[in-house]
């Protein structure tokens, strides 16, 4: 029973972290879109740098 609880905690933690990370990335991309011009974003996408940050 103890092992199950531990596994559950680890899974819960990693799920929470991935949700936080996803929200953070979404916020960052929105900020980026606010101050970047459309031309710069298109240029970045062509170079494939959007995913790499």
Protein backbone atom coordinates (compact mmCIF):
# COMPACT_ATOMS: atom_id res chain seq x y z
CA UNK A 1 0.00 0.00 0.00
CA UNK A 2 2.87 2.34 0.81
CA UNK A 3 4.44 1.72 -2.59
CA UNK A 4 1.19 2.56 -4.36
CA UNK A 5 0.94 5.84 -2.46
CA UNK A 6 4.52 6.72 -3.40
CA UNK A 7 3.93 5.93 -7.08
CA UNK A 8 0.75 7.98 -7.01
CA UNK A 9 2.63 10.95 -5.51
CA UNK A 10 5.33 10.78 -8.17
CA UNK A 11 2.81 10.52 -11.00
CA UNK A 12 0.74 13.35 -9.53
CA UNK A 13 3.82 15.53 -9.19
CA UNK A 14 5.00 14.95 -12.75
CA UNK A 15 1.49 15.62 -14.10
CA UNK A 16 1.32 18.85 -12.09
CA UNK A 17 4.73 19.92 -13.35
CA UNK A 18 3.86 19.24 -16.99
CA UNK A 19 0.62 21.25 -16.61
CA UNK A 20 2.54 24.16 -15.05
CA UNK A 21 5.19 23.95 -17.77
CA UNK A 22 2.54 23.92 -20.50
CA UNK A 23 0.78 26.95 -19.02
CA UNK A 24 4.09 28.76 -18.63
CA UNK A 25 5.06 28.09 -22.25
CA UNK A 26 1.64 29.25 -23.43
CA UNK A 27 2.01 32.48 -21.44
CA UNK A 28 5.51 33.04 -22.79
CA UNK A 29 4.32 32.54 -26.37
CA UNK A 30 1.48 35.01 -25.81
CA UNK A 31 3.93 37.58 -24.40
CA UNK A 32 6.24 36.92 -27.32
CA UNK A 33 3.39 37.44 -29.77
CA UNK A 34 2.48 40.72 -28.09
CA UNK A 35 5.83 42.43 -28.53
CA UNK A 36 7.08 40.66 -31.65
CA UNK A 37 6.03 41.74 -35.09
CA UNK A 38 4.26 39.24 -37.32
CA UNK A 39 7.21 39.29 -39.71
CA UNK A 40 9.64 38.24 -36.97
CA UNK A 41 7.40 35.35 -35.88
CA UNK A 42 7.09 34.08 -39.47
CA UNK A 43 10.86 34.37 -39.85
CA UNK A 44 11.43 32.42 -36.63
CA UNK A 45 8.98 29.69 -37.68
CA UNK A 46 10.75 29.31 -41.03
CA UNK A 47 14.03 28.73 -39.20
CA UNK A 48 12.27 26.25 -36.88
CA UNK A 49 13.29 28.06 -33.70
CA UNK A 50 9.84 28.42 -32.12
CA UNK A 51 9.90 24.89 -30.66
CA UNK A 52 13.47 25.19 -29.42
CA UNK A 53 12.76 28.46 -27.69
